[in-house]
Amino acid sequence: MSKKHICIDFEGEGKRNSGERPLPYLLGALVPRLDGQGRDYYLFLLREELAPIERAASLLGKTELRRTCTLAEAVAQLIDLAEERDCRLVGYSIHELSVVQGHLPERSAERQAIELRWYNVK
């Protein structure tokens, strides 16, 4: 695997007093370009009510890199991008991987694939 990596970060409410961890609202990913010249920011909107953001012209960045989808669909796309670029998926804490593990079935292809490519920076 190369030294390139895709850095991911979830945004949401966090853990509730009840101990429940609700699905985050957003998943952001900083993805190296195939030509090696810089990175692109992908935005995955994980709740249907956020779909209008996908088309918002007032946001910076490429609209084709914004997508409303399920967590499984977002992870599958990130795995495809990582495989295409021969790189790992990284997070700055165990939180990102624990979100995936907490919201995808243990035997799902997406969960197994991200666990194989995962690297925790801390």
Foldseek 3Di string as FASTA:
>chain_A
DDPDEKEKDFAADAADPVRDGDQTQKMWIWAQDLVRDGTFIAIEGADPVCVVVLVDPPDDGDSVRYYYDHPLVVLVVRLVRCVSNVAAYEYQACVVLVSCVVPDDPPDPSNVSNVVRYDHPD
